[in-house]
Protein backbone atom coordinates (compact mmCIF):
# COMPACT_ATOMS: atom_id res chain seq x y z
CA MET A 1 325.63 35.70 198.01
CA ALA A 2 323.61 37.15 200.87
CA ILE A 3 320.36 36.09 199.18
CA ILE A 4 321.53 32.52 198.79
CA LEU A 5 322.82 32.42 202.37
CA LEU A 6 319.50 33.71 203.69
CA PHE A 7 317.53 31.07 201.80
CA ILE A 8 319.92 28.34 202.99
CA LEU A 9 319.39 29.48 206.58
CA LEU A 10 315.61 29.47 206.13
CA ALA A 11 315.63 26.01 204.59
CA GLY A 12 318.04 24.74 207.25
CA TRP A 13 315.62 25.88 209.93
CA ASP A 14 312.34 24.62 208.44
CA VAL A 15 313.17 21.54 206.37
CA PRO A 16 314.44 19.32 209.22
CA LEU A 17 311.26 20.03 211.19
CA LEU A 18 309.10 19.04 208.23
CA ILE A 19 311.11 15.86 207.70
CA LYS A 20 310.97 15.01 211.40
CA LYS A 21 307.18 15.41 211.46
CA LYS A 22 306.92 13.39 208.20
CA GLN A 23 304.99 16.16 206.45
CA ARG A 24 305.91 15.23 202.91
CA LYS A 25 303.27 17.30 201.11
CA ASP A 26 304.16 20.39 203.13
CA LEU A 27 307.83 19.82 202.37
CA ILE A 28 307.13 19.67 198.63
CA VAL A 29 305.06 22.86 198.68
CA TYR A 30 307.63 24.60 200.89
CA SER A 31 310.43 23.58 198.55
CA LEU A 32 308.59 24.82 195.47
CA LEU A 33 307.80 28.16 197.09
CA LEU A 34 311.36 28.50 198.36
CA LEU A 35 312.76 27.71 194.91
CA THR A 36 310.42 30.25 193.32
CA GLY A 37 311.39 32.86 195.89
CA ILE A 38 315.12 32.37 195.46
CA THR A 39 314.82 32.42 191.67
CA LEU A 40 312.86 35.68 191.68
CA SER A 41 315.20 37.23 194.26
CA ILE A 42 318.28 36.41 192.21
CA LEU A 43 316.67 37.73 189.02
CA VAL A 44 315.73 40.99 190.74
CA SER A 45 319.24 41.36 192.14
CA PHE A 46 320.63 41.09 188.59
CA ASN A 47 318.14 43.77 187.39
CA VAL A 48 316.29 41.37 185.09
CA HIS A 49 312.97 42.85 183.95
CA LEU A 50 310.12 40.77 185.32
CA PRO A 51 306.56 41.22 184.09
CA ASN A 52 304.02 42.62 186.53
CA PRO A 53 301.42 39.92 187.26
CA SER A 54 298.72 42.48 188.04
CA LYS A 55 298.90 43.76 184.45
CA GLY A 56 298.12 40.27 183.16
CA LEU A 57 295.21 39.90 185.56
CA GLU A 58 293.91 43.31 184.52
CA THR A 59 294.01 42.28 180.86
CA ILE A 60 292.06 39.11 181.62
CA LEU A 61 289.54 40.57 184.07
CA GLN A 62 288.80 43.94 182.42
CA PRO A 63 286.47 42.49 179.74
CA LEU A 64 284.69 40.48 182.42
CA GLY A 65 284.21 43.59 184.53
CA SER A 66 282.74 45.55 181.64
CA LEU A 67 280.43 42.64 180.87
CA LEU A 68 279.11 42.61 184.45
CA LYS A 69 278.80 46.40 184.68
CA THR A 70 275.13 47.43 185.09
CA ASP A 71 275.25 51.17 184.31
C-alpha cells in the first residue's frame, strides 16, 4: 500500500502542473514512466523474478564487440 500511496502523491504533485501548463506530450511520457515504475515496484514487492536487462544487452552486444576487436 505504501508503494501505491507514494506514486499517488507523486502523480498528485506533478500531473496538475503539467495539465495547467498544457504540456500534453510531457504528461503522456510522465504517465507511461510512472505506470512502468509502479508496475515494476509492485512486482518486486511480491518477489516476482524479473529478468536483468543488462544480460540481454550483453547477449546482443557481445558478438558485435568481438567483431570490432582488433587484437
